[in-house]
Structure formats: C-alpha cells, structure tokens
C-alpha cells in the first residue's frame, strides 16, 4: 500500500536476536523485522533499549514507570502534536535512517530519527510505518531467509 508514490506500508513483526556464527565474538544484535504485503522483509539492526521498547509496545505491556518513548509521546501530546507516520527512507554505509512525520498545530513536521526510536514511537501512537521502495530494493529479504 503505497502512499507517497514509493512508500510501502509495513507491519512490525517483532524484534529478534541476530544469530551469530560460532567464530564471531561480538554481542548479538537485536533486529527489527518489518514485512510488507508481498512478504518482503526488512531486518533493521536496533539498539537493545529500542528493541525492548518495541517488544513491549507490540505486547501492549505497560511498565510501572514510563520508558523514554512513553515520555516522548506524552511530550508530543502536551504540545498538541501527534505522530502521523514513520518512514524508513535511507540506507547508507549499512546504516538505516528514518523520518518521523508529525502533525502539529503549525503544520506538518518531519524529523530525522533512528529507525528503532521512530518505530517505538509509532507503535505507541498507533501510527503506520512505511519503507521506501528504494530501501526495500537494496535490503529486503524473503520471508524464508530469517
């Protein structure tokens, strides 16, 4: 379902630990998995805090004290601003980039954001997430490859 011509709406499947080979000594990396209607998947590395925030939002779990992304939503609400959508719109040097699109009283605002933070906010705001066709073309996986 495209919006701006080259944006495809995706579902947030979840956050999973990237499997490391036995010879790799680095810590495992949480991967945000996004899937479109054609079963293409995008595996986006995210930080562990963002991964937890996304997982809790998917599970609709409420924690006793608000997390950073909960605070972000509260601040936006107090400023009469809401999250319209998130677009993962660039991939450069193996780093994904996103835009957080906000609806404010003054008009629309677009803010650059890390994908993990942007998706964590979108889930809390019940806002849609999109990926550009260009990013999908460069980095998508088939559903079976995960």
N, C-alpha and C. Protein backbone atom coordinates (compact mmCIF):
# COMPACT_ATOMS: atom_id res chain seq x y z
N UNK A 1 0.83 -1.18 0.00
CA UNK A 1 0.00 0.00 0.00
C UNK A 1 0.87 1.24 0.00
N UNK A 2 1.07 1.80 -1.10
CA UNK A 2 1.95 2.96 -1.22
C UNK A 2 1.21 4.23 -0.85
N UNK A 3 1.98 5.20 -0.34
CA UNK A 3 1.38 6.49 -0.01
C UNK A 3 1.98 7.58 -0.88
N UNK A 4 3.25 7.87 -0.69
CA UNK A 4 3.88 8.96 -1.42
C UNK A 4 4.47 8.51 -2.73
N UNK A 5 3.92 7.49 -3.35
CA UNK A 5 4.44 7.01 -4.62
C UNK A 5 5.43 5.88 -4.46
N UNK A 6 6.36 6.02 -3.50
CA UNK A 6 7.34 4.96 -3.36
C UNK A 6 7.47 4.48 -1.92
N UNK A 7 6.46 4.74 -1.10
CA UNK A 7 6.45 4.26 0.28
C UNK A 7 5.49 3.08 0.39
N UNK A 8 5.95 2.02 1.03
CA UNK A 8 5.14 0.81 1.19
C UNK A 8 4.87 0.61 2.68
N UNK A 9 3.61 0.45 3.01
CA UNK A 9 3.25 0.23 4.41
C UNK A 9 3.72 -1.16 4.83
N UNK A 10 4.25 -1.23 6.05
CA UNK A 10 4.76 -2.50 6.57
C UNK A 10 4.16 -2.78 7.94
N UNK A 11 4.17 -4.06 8.29
CA UNK A 11 3.79 -4.49 9.63
C UNK A 11 5.06 -4.70 10.43
N UNK A 12 4.99 -4.36 11.70
CA UNK A 12 6.10 -4.62 12.61
C UNK A 12 5.91 -6.05 13.12
N UNK A 13 6.78 -6.95 12.66
CA UNK A 13 6.67 -8.36 13.03
C UNK A 13 7.19 -8.58 14.44
N UNK A 14 8.32 -7.97 14.75
CA UNK A 14 8.90 -8.13 16.08
C UNK A 14 10.36 -7.78 16.08
N UNK A 15 10.98 -8.02 17.23
CA UNK A 15 12.42 -7.81 17.39
C UNK A 15 13.01 -9.16 17.77
N UNK A 16 14.05 -9.55 17.06
CA UNK A 16 14.67 -10.86 17.26
C UNK A 16 16.18 -10.68 17.38
N UNK A 17 16.81 -11.60 18.06
CA UNK A 17 18.27 -11.57 18.17
C UNK A 17 18.88 -12.14 16.90
N UNK A 18 19.84 -11.41 16.33
CA UNK A 18 20.55 -11.88 15.15
C UNK A 18 21.44 -13.05 15.55
N UNK A 19 21.38 -14.12 14.80
CA UNK A 19 22.20 -15.28 15.09
C UNK A 19 23.65 -15.00 14.72
N UNK A 20 24.54 -15.28 15.64
CA UNK A 20 25.97 -15.10 15.40
C UNK A 20 26.58 -16.45 15.05
N UNK A 21 27.58 -16.43 14.19
CA UNK A 21 28.30 -17.66 13.89
C UNK A 21 29.25 -17.95 15.05
N UNK A 22 29.65 -19.19 15.25
CA UNK A 22 30.50 -19.54 16.40
C UNK A 22 31.81 -18.75 16.47
N UNK A 23 32.35 -18.31 15.34
CA UNK A 23 33.62 -17.60 15.37
C UNK A 23 33.47 -16.10 15.63
N UNK A 24 32.23 -15.59 15.69
CA UNK A 24 32.01 -14.18 15.96
C UNK A 24 31.96 -13.95 17.47
N UNK A 25 32.76 -13.01 17.94
CA UNK A 25 32.84 -12.75 19.37
C UNK A 25 31.98 -11.57 19.80
N UNK A 26 31.41 -10.84 18.85
CA UNK A 26 30.62 -9.68 19.22
C UNK A 26 29.29 -10.10 19.83
N UNK A 27 28.69 -9.19 20.57
CA UNK A 27 27.39 -9.46 21.17
C UNK A 27 26.34 -9.55 20.07
N UNK A 28 25.26 -10.27 20.35
CA UNK A 28 24.19 -10.37 19.36
C UNK A 28 23.50 -9.02 19.21
N UNK A 29 22.96 -8.79 18.03
CA UNK A 29 22.31 -7.53 17.70
C UNK A 29 20.81 -7.75 17.56
N UNK A 30 19.99 -6.94 18.26
CA UNK A 30 18.55 -7.04 18.02
C UNK A 30 18.22 -6.58 16.61
N UNK A 31 17.35 -7.33 15.94
CA UNK A 31 16.90 -6.97 14.59
C UNK A 31 15.41 -6.69 14.61
N UNK A 32 15.04 -5.52 14.16
CA UNK A 32 13.64 -5.17 13.96
C UNK A 32 13.23 -5.78 12.62
N UNK A 33 12.19 -6.60 12.63
CA UNK A 33 11.72 -7.23 11.40
C UNK A 33 10.42 -6.57 10.97
N UNK A 34 10.44 -6.04 9.73
CA UNK A 34 9.29 -5.39 9.13
C UNK A 34 8.89 -6.20 7.90
N UNK A 35 7.59 -6.34 7.64
CA UNK A 35 7.13 -7.14 6.49
C UNK A 35 6.04 -6.40 5.75
N UNK A 36 6.14 -6.42 4.42
CA UNK A 36 5.09 -5.80 3.60
C UNK A 36 4.08 -6.85 3.15
N UNK A 37 3.08 -6.42 2.40
CA UNK A 37 2.02 -7.32 1.94
C UNK A 37 2.47 -8.37 0.95
N UNK A 38 3.68 -8.22 0.38
CA UNK A 38 4.22 -9.20 -0.56
C UNK A 38 5.20 -10.15 0.11
N UNK A 39 5.22 -10.14 1.45
CA UNK A 39 6.12 -10.98 2.25
C UNK A 39 7.60 -10.62 2.11
N UNK A 40 7.89 -9.41 1.63
CA UNK A 40 9.27 -8.95 1.69
C UNK A 40 9.54 -8.51 3.11
N UNK A 41 10.74 -8.79 3.59
CA UNK A 41 11.09 -8.40 4.94
C UNK A 41 12.31 -7.49 4.92
N UNK A 42 12.33 -6.60 5.89
CA UNK A 42 13.48 -5.75 6.13
C UNK A 42 13.95 -6.04 7.55
N UNK A 43 15.23 -6.32 7.71
CA UNK A 43 15.82 -6.63 9.01
C UNK A 43 16.71 -5.45 9.40
N UNK A 44 16.24 -4.66 10.34
CA UNK A 44 16.91 -3.42 10.71
C UNK A 44 17.56 -3.57 12.08
N UNK A 45 18.88 -3.46 12.17
CA UNK A 45 19.52 -3.52 13.49
C UNK A 45 19.07 -2.33 14.35
N UNK A 46 18.76 -2.62 15.61
CA UNK A 46 18.35 -1.57 16.54
C UNK A 46 19.12 -1.77 17.84
N UNK A 47 19.14 -0.76 18.67
CA UNK A 47 19.76 -0.87 19.97
C UNK A 47 18.92 -1.73 20.91
N UNK A 48 19.54 -2.21 21.96
CA UNK A 48 18.82 -3.09 22.88
C UNK A 48 17.68 -2.36 23.60
N UNK A 49 17.88 -1.08 23.94
CA UNK A 49 16.80 -0.32 24.60
C UNK A 49 15.62 -0.11 23.66
N UNK A 50 15.92 0.23 22.40
CA UNK A 50 14.86 0.41 21.41
C UNK A 50 14.15 -0.91 21.14
N UNK A 51 14.94 -1.98 21.06
CA UNK A 51 14.35 -3.31 20.85
C UNK A 51 13.38 -3.66 21.96
N UNK A 52 13.76 -3.41 23.22
CA UNK A 52 12.87 -3.68 24.35
C UNK A 52 11.62 -2.81 24.26
N UNK A 53 11.79 -1.54 23.93
CA UNK A 53 10.64 -0.63 23.83
C UNK A 53 9.67 -1.10 22.75
N UNK A 54 10.20 -1.56 21.62
CA UNK A 54 9.35 -2.06 20.53
C UNK A 54 8.64 -3.33 20.97
N UNK A 55 9.38 -4.24 21.59
CA UNK A 55 8.79 -5.51 22.06
C UNK A 55 7.66 -5.25 23.05
N UNK A 56 7.88 -4.36 24.01
CA UNK A 56 6.83 -4.06 25.00
C UNK A 56 5.60 -3.45 24.33
N UNK A 57 5.82 -2.59 23.33
CA UNK A 57 4.68 -1.97 22.62
C UNK A 57 3.90 -3.01 21.83
N UNK A 58 4.60 -3.94 21.19
CA UNK A 58 3.91 -4.99 20.43
C UNK A 58 3.07 -5.85 21.37
N UNK A 59 3.64 -6.15 22.54
CA UNK A 59 2.95 -6.98 23.53
C UNK A 59 1.90 -6.19 24.31
N UNK A 60 1.83 -4.89 24.07
CA UNK A 60 0.92 -3.97 24.76
C UNK A 60 1.09 -4.06 26.28
N UNK A 61 2.35 -4.20 26.68
CA UNK A 61 2.67 -4.26 28.10
C UNK A 61 2.94 -2.86 28.63
N UNK A 62 2.37 -2.58 29.76
CA UNK A 62 2.57 -1.29 30.42
C UNK A 62 3.52 -1.52 31.59
N UNK A 63 4.55 -0.72 31.65
CA UNK A 63 5.51 -0.84 32.75
C UNK A 63 5.15 0.19 33.82
N UNK A 64 5.53 -0.08 35.07
CA UNK A 64 5.14 0.83 36.16
C UNK A 64 5.63 2.26 35.98
N UNK A 65 6.82 2.43 35.44
CA UNK A 65 7.34 3.76 35.19
C UNK A 65 7.54 3.92 33.69
N UNK A 66 7.17 5.08 33.13
CA UNK A 66 7.25 5.24 31.67
C UNK A 66 8.69 5.17 31.16
N UNK A 67 8.83 4.51 30.01
CA UNK A 67 10.11 4.46 29.33
C UNK A 67 10.29 5.75 28.52
N UNK A 68 11.47 5.94 27.96
CA UNK A 68 11.78 7.14 27.21
C UNK A 68 10.77 7.40 26.09
N UNK A 69 10.37 6.35 25.37
CA UNK A 69 9.45 6.54 24.25
C UNK A 69 8.04 6.88 24.74
N UNK A 70 7.66 6.37 25.92
CA UNK A 70 6.38 6.76 26.53
C UNK A 70 6.42 8.25 26.87
N UNK A 71 7.55 8.70 27.42
CA UNK A 71 7.73 10.10 27.74
C UNK A 71 7.64 10.95 26.46
N UNK A 72 8.27 10.48 25.39
CA UNK A 72 8.21 11.20 24.12
C UNK A 72 6.79 11.42 23.64
N UNK A 73 5.98 10.39 23.73
CA UNK A 73 4.57 10.51 23.32
C UNK A 73 3.84 11.49 24.22
N UNK A 74 4.10 11.43 25.51
CA UNK A 74 3.44 12.37 26.44
C UNK A 74 3.82 13.81 26.12
N UNK A 75 5.08 14.04 25.81
CA UNK A 75 5.53 15.39 25.46
C UNK A 75 4.83 15.86 24.19
N UNK A 76 4.79 15.00 23.17
CA UNK A 76 4.12 15.37 21.93
C UNK A 76 2.65 15.71 22.19
N UNK A 77 1.98 14.90 23.01
CA UNK A 77 0.58 15.17 23.32
C UNK A 77 0.40 16.52 24.01
N UNK A 78 1.29 16.84 24.95
CA UNK A 78 1.20 18.12 25.67
C UNK A 78 1.44 19.29 24.72
N UNK A 79 2.18 19.06 23.65
CA UNK A 79 2.45 20.09 22.66
C UNK A 79 1.42 20.08 21.52
N UNK A 80 0.33 19.33 21.71
CA UNK A 80 -0.73 19.20 20.70
C UNK A 80 -0.16 18.73 19.36
N UNK A 81 0.74 17.78 19.44
CA UNK A 81 1.39 17.22 18.25
C UNK A 81 1.22 15.71 18.29
N UNK A 82 1.08 15.10 17.12
CA UNK A 82 0.92 13.65 17.07
C UNK A 82 1.81 13.04 15.99
N UNK A 83 2.09 11.77 16.14
CA UNK A 83 2.86 11.04 15.14
C UNK A 83 1.91 10.63 14.02
N UNK A 84 2.16 11.10 12.80
CA UNK A 84 1.35 10.73 11.64
C UNK A 84 1.80 9.41 11.04
N UNK A 85 3.14 9.29 10.86
CA UNK A 85 3.69 8.08 10.28
C UNK A 85 5.20 8.10 10.44
N UNK A 86 5.80 6.95 10.22
CA UNK A 86 7.25 6.80 10.21
C UNK A 86 7.62 6.23 8.86
N UNK A 87 8.71 6.73 8.28
CA UNK A 87 9.19 6.21 7.00
C UNK A 87 10.68 5.87 7.14
N UNK A 88 11.01 4.61 6.90
CA UNK A 88 12.41 4.23 6.81
C UNK A 88 12.80 4.52 5.37
N UNK A 89 13.63 5.56 5.22
CA UNK A 89 13.79 6.16 3.90
C UNK A 89 15.21 6.19 3.34
N UNK A 90 16.17 5.63 4.07
CA UNK A 90 17.52 5.65 3.53
C UNK A 90 18.34 4.53 4.16
N UNK A 91 19.33 4.09 3.39
CA UNK A 91 20.31 3.11 3.84
C UNK A 91 21.64 3.54 3.26
N UNK A 92 22.55 3.96 4.14
CA UNK A 92 23.86 4.37 3.67
C UNK A 92 24.92 3.81 4.61
N UNK A 93 25.96 3.23 4.02
CA UNK A 93 27.04 2.61 4.80
C UNK A 93 26.49 1.61 5.81
N UNK A 94 25.49 0.82 5.40
CA UNK A 94 24.86 -0.21 6.21
C UNK A 94 24.13 0.33 7.43
N UNK A 95 23.77 1.62 7.41
CA UNK A 95 23.02 2.25 8.48
C UNK A 95 21.68 2.73 7.92
N UNK A 96 20.60 2.31 8.57
CA UNK A 96 19.27 2.73 8.16
C UNK A 96 18.94 4.09 8.78
N UNK A 97 18.14 4.87 8.04
CA UNK A 97 17.69 6.18 8.50
C UNK A 97 16.17 6.24 8.35
N UNK A 98 15.54 7.00 9.24
CA UNK A 98 14.09 7.12 9.19
C UNK A 98 13.69 8.58 9.35
N UNK A 99 12.44 8.85 9.00
CA UNK A 99 11.84 10.17 9.22
C UNK A 99 10.58 9.96 10.05
N UNK A 100 10.46 10.78 11.07
CA UNK A 100 9.28 10.78 11.92
C UNK A 100 8.42 11.94 11.45
N UNK A 101 7.23 11.64 10.94
CA UNK A 101 6.34 12.67 10.41
C UNK A 101 5.30 13.00 11.47
N UNK A 102 5.28 14.27 11.87
CA UNK A 102 4.42 14.74 12.94
C UNK A 102 3.36 15.69 12.41
N UNK A 103 2.21 15.69 13.07
CA UNK A 103 1.16 16.66 12.78
C UNK A 103 1.11 17.62 13.96
N UNK A 104 1.46 18.87 13.70
CA UNK A 104 1.46 19.90 14.74
C UNK A 104 0.48 21.00 14.37
N UNK A 105 0.13 21.82 15.34
CA UNK A 105 -0.80 22.92 15.08
C UNK A 105 -0.27 23.85 13.99
N UNK A 106 1.06 24.01 13.93
CA UNK A 106 1.67 24.90 12.93
C UNK A 106 1.73 24.26 11.56
N UNK A 107 1.49 22.97 11.48
CA UNK A 107 1.56 22.26 10.22
C UNK A 107 2.44 21.02 10.35
N UNK A 108 2.62 20.30 9.26
CA UNK A 108 3.40 19.07 9.31
C UNK A 108 4.88 19.33 9.59
N UNK A 109 5.48 18.41 10.35
CA UNK A 109 6.90 18.48 10.69
C UNK A 109 7.51 17.12 10.39
N UNK A 110 8.69 17.11 9.78
CA UNK A 110 9.43 15.88 9.54
C UNK A 110 10.75 15.97 10.30
N UNK A 111 11.02 14.93 11.11
CA UNK A 111 12.21 14.92 11.95
C UNK A 111 13.03 13.67 11.63
N UNK A 112 14.32 13.82 11.34
CA UNK A 112 15.16 12.64 11.14
C UNK A 112 15.26 11.86 12.45
N UNK A 113 15.26 10.52 12.34
CA UNK A 113 15.29 9.69 13.55
C UNK A 113 15.95 8.35 13.25
N UNK A 114 16.42 7.72 14.30
CA UNK A 114 16.88 6.34 14.15
C UNK A 114 15.64 5.46 13.99
N UNK A 115 15.69 4.45 13.13
CA UNK A 115 14.50 3.62 12.92
C UNK A 115 13.93 3.00 14.20
N UNK A 116 14.79 2.54 15.09
CA UNK A 116 14.29 1.92 16.32
C UNK A 116 13.48 2.89 17.16
N UNK A 117 13.99 4.11 17.33
CA UNK A 117 13.26 5.12 18.09
C UNK A 117 11.96 5.49 17.39
N UNK A 118 12.03 5.69 16.08
CA UNK A 118 10.84 6.09 15.33
C UNK A 118 9.75 5.02 15.40
N UNK A 119 10.12 3.76 15.24
CA UNK A 119 9.12 2.68 15.29
C UNK A 119 8.55 2.54 16.70
N UNK A 120 9.39 2.67 17.73
CA UNK A 120 8.90 2.60 19.11
C UNK A 120 7.85 3.69 19.36
N UNK A 121 8.09 4.88 18.84
CA UNK A 121 7.10 5.96 18.97
C UNK A 121 5.85 5.68 18.15
N UNK A 122 6.03 5.20 16.92
CA UNK A 122 4.88 4.91 16.05
C UNK A 122 3.95 3.87 16.68
N UNK A 123 4.53 2.83 17.26
CA UNK A 123 3.70 1.79 17.88
C UNK A 123 2.89 2.36 19.05
N UNK A 124 3.50 3.20 19.85
CA UNK A 124 2.79 3.79 20.97
C UNK A 124 1.70 4.75 20.50
N UNK A 125 1.93 5.40 19.37
CA UNK A 125 0.96 6.36 18.83
C UNK A 125 -0.04 5.69 17.88
N UNK A 126 0.12 4.39 17.67
CA UNK A 126 -0.71 3.65 16.72
C UNK A 126 -0.65 4.29 15.33
N UNK A 127 0.56 4.69 14.95
CA UNK A 127 0.79 5.31 13.64
C UNK A 127 1.41 4.29 12.69
N UNK A 128 1.14 4.40 11.41
CA UNK A 128 1.68 3.44 10.44
C UNK A 128 3.18 3.62 10.21
N UNK A 129 3.81 2.52 9.79
CA UNK A 129 5.22 2.51 9.45
C UNK A 129 5.34 2.16 7.97
N UNK A 130 6.22 2.89 7.28
CA UNK A 130 6.44 2.68 5.85
C UNK A 130 7.93 2.50 5.59
N UNK A 131 8.23 1.86 4.46
CA UNK A 131 9.60 1.72 3.97
C UNK A 131 9.58 2.16 2.51
N UNK A 132 10.58 2.92 2.09
CA UNK A 132 10.61 3.32 0.69
C UNK A 132 10.98 2.12 -0.18
N UNK A 133 10.49 2.15 -1.40
CA UNK A 133 10.82 1.08 -2.36
C UNK A 133 12.33 0.99 -2.58
N UNK A 134 13.00 2.12 -2.58
CA UNK A 134 14.45 2.12 -2.78
C UNK A 134 15.16 1.32 -1.67
N UNK A 135 14.75 1.53 -0.43
CA UNK A 135 15.36 0.78 0.68
C UNK A 135 15.01 -0.70 0.56
N UNK A 136 13.76 -1.01 0.25
CA UNK A 136 13.37 -2.41 0.05
C UNK A 136 14.21 -3.04 -1.06
N UNK A 137 14.38 -2.34 -2.16
CA UNK A 137 15.13 -2.89 -3.30
C UNK A 137 16.58 -3.20 -2.91
N UNK A 138 17.13 -2.41 -2.03
CA UNK A 138 18.53 -2.59 -1.65
C UNK A 138 18.74 -3.59 -0.53
N UNK A 139 17.71 -3.82 0.31
CA UNK A 139 17.98 -4.57 1.53
C UNK A 139 16.95 -5.61 1.93
N UNK A 140 15.91 -5.82 1.14
CA UNK A 140 14.86 -6.74 1.59
C UNK A 140 15.30 -8.19 1.51
N UNK A 141 14.65 -9.01 2.33
CA UNK A 141 14.87 -10.46 2.38
C UNK A 141 13.55 -11.14 2.09
N UNK A 142 13.60 -12.36 1.63
CA UNK A 142 12.37 -13.13 1.53
C UNK A 142 12.02 -13.63 2.93
N UNK A 143 10.77 -13.91 3.16
CA UNK A 143 10.30 -14.33 4.47
C UNK A 143 11.04 -15.58 4.94
N UNK A 144 11.40 -16.46 4.05
CA UNK A 144 12.05 -17.72 4.41
C UNK A 144 13.49 -17.55 4.86
N UNK A 145 14.10 -16.39 4.57
CA UNK A 145 15.52 -16.22 4.85
C UNK A 145 15.83 -15.90 6.30
N UNK A 146 14.81 -15.70 7.12
CA UNK A 146 15.07 -15.32 8.51
C UNK A 146 15.21 -16.52 9.38
